[in-house]
């Protein structure tokens, strides 16, 4: 079987990695897979992330069409984050990655 060269701009794997390859991107998406969360709920659910980084990553995810930011006209303002259909489509990928990690990574760390 001949190996096909992958043009950066046409390679779906490379382009997907650009969208979901940030350190905190997958944990954020995974935290939103099953429910909508307010900012502080989301921040508490991801161990190790700081506020500045969460704001930056959420903005990037919103720009990439994976997350919806909904602002409610209340005092104080309430903001909720949820996944778009595009973001929800990553659920099976994340579940498979978790299963692969459980199967192959934990035995090498110990």
Protein backbone atom coordinates (compact mmCIF):
# COMPACT_ATOMS: atom_id res chain seq x y z
CA UNK A 1 0.00 0.00 0.00
CA UNK A 2 1.48 3.36 -0.98
CA UNK A 3 1.78 6.10 1.59
CA UNK A 4 -0.06 9.29 0.72
CA UNK A 5 1.47 12.60 1.73
CA UNK A 6 -0.79 14.75 3.84
CA UNK A 7 -0.97 18.43 2.94
CA UNK A 8 -1.23 20.40 6.20
CA UNK A 9 -4.32 22.32 5.10
CA UNK A 10 -6.06 19.22 3.73
CA UNK A 11 -5.11 16.74 6.46
CA UNK A 12 -8.13 16.13 8.72
CA UNK A 13 -5.98 14.74 11.53
CA UNK A 14 -3.74 17.81 11.63
CA UNK A 15 -6.64 20.23 11.44
CA UNK A 16 -8.51 18.35 14.19
CA UNK A 17 -5.40 18.42 16.39
CA UNK A 18 -5.19 22.20 15.85
CA UNK A 19 -8.77 22.59 17.11
CA UNK A 20 -8.69 20.19 20.07
CA UNK A 21 -4.98 19.98 20.79
CA UNK A 22 -4.71 22.57 23.56
CA UNK A 23 -3.74 21.32 27.02
CA UNK A 24 -7.13 22.21 28.52
CA UNK A 25 -9.39 21.82 25.47
CA UNK A 26 -10.29 18.16 25.94
CA UNK A 27 -10.87 18.41 29.72
CA UNK A 28 -13.20 21.38 29.12
CA UNK A 29 -15.12 19.54 26.41
CA UNK A 30 -15.34 16.42 28.58
CA UNK A 31 -16.65 18.50 31.50
CA UNK A 32 -19.44 19.83 29.27
CA UNK A 33 -20.35 16.52 27.59
CA UNK A 34 -23.24 15.70 29.91
CA UNK A 35 -24.43 19.08 31.15
CA UNK A 36 -24.37 22.83 30.77
CA UNK A 37 -22.24 24.54 33.41
CA UNK A 38 -21.74 27.99 34.80
CA UNK A 39 -18.20 29.37 34.72
CA UNK A 40 -17.32 28.61 38.35
CA UNK A 41 -18.83 25.10 38.12
CA UNK A 42 -16.69 24.46 35.08
CA UNK A 43 -13.59 25.88 36.75
CA UNK A 44 -14.11 23.69 39.84
CA UNK A 45 -14.64 20.58 37.70
CA UNK A 46 -11.22 20.87 36.01
CA UNK A 47 -8.41 20.39 38.49
CA UNK A 48 -5.34 22.55 37.87
CA UNK A 49 -6.79 25.11 35.46
CA UNK A 50 -6.65 28.77 36.41
CA UNK A 51 -9.29 31.41 35.66
CA UNK A 52 -7.26 33.20 33.00
CA UNK A 53 -6.57 29.99 31.09
CA UNK A 54 -10.19 28.86 31.30
CA UNK A 55 -11.38 32.19 29.88
CA UNK A 56 -8.84 31.94 27.04
CA UNK A 57 -9.70 28.31 26.20
CA UNK A 58 -13.47 28.93 26.32
CA UNK A 59 -13.07 31.87 23.92
CA UNK A 60 -11.06 29.66 21.55
CA UNK A 61 -13.64 26.86 21.78
CA UNK A 62 -16.39 29.37 21.09
CA UNK A 63 -14.48 30.75 18.08
CA UNK A 64 -14.06 27.17 16.78
CA UNK A 65 -17.79 26.52 17.09
CA UNK A 66 -17.51 23.87 19.83
CA UNK A 67 -18.92 25.82 22.78
CA UNK A 68 -21.89 28.14 23.20
CA UNK A 69 -21.70 30.95 25.74
CA UNK A 70 -25.14 32.07 26.91
CA UNK A 71 -25.46 35.27 28.94
CA UNK A 72 -28.62 35.85 30.94
CA UNK A 73 -29.82 39.41 31.57
CA UNK A 74 -29.86 39.13 35.34
CA UNK A 75 -28.20 40.94 38.21
CA UNK A 76 -25.62 39.66 38.80
CA UNK A 77 -25.17 38.39 35.23
CA UNK A 78 -25.31 34.63 34.80
CA UNK A 79 -23.24 32.95 32.08
CA UNK A 80 -23.60 29.31 31.06
CA UNK A 81 -21.47 27.21 28.77
CA UNK A 82 -22.61 24.22 26.74
CA UNK A 83 -21.42 22.27 23.74
CA UNK A 84 -22.68 22.85 20.23
CA UNK A 85 -23.64 19.85 18.12
CA UNK A 86 -20.11 20.02 16.69
CA UNK A 87 -18.70 19.83 20.23
CA UNK A 88 -21.06 17.02 21.23
CA UNK A 89 -19.87 15.04 18.21
CA UNK A 90 -16.53 14.62 20.04
CA UNK A 91 -18.14 12.53 22.78
CA UNK A 92 -17.30 9.16 21.23
CA UNK A 93 -13.75 10.30 20.47
CA UNK A 94 -13.23 11.32 24.10
CA UNK A 95 -14.74 8.12 25.45
CA UNK A 96 -12.43 6.09 23.20
CA UNK A 97 -9.42 8.17 24.28
CA UNK A 98 -10.30 7.60 27.94
CA UNK A 99 -10.65 3.85 27.37
CA UNK A 100 -7.34 3.73 25.49
CA UNK A 101 -5.65 5.67 28.28
CA UNK A 102 -7.09 3.39 30.95
CA UNK A 103 -5.94 0.33 29.03
CA UNK A 104 -2.46 1.40 27.96
CA UNK A 105 -1.18 4.27 30.07
CA UNK A 106 -1.82 3.59 33.74
CA UNK A 107 0.16 0.36 33.80
CA UNK A 108 3.25 2.20 32.47
CA UNK A 109 3.03 5.08 34.96
CA UNK A 110 3.01 2.91 38.07
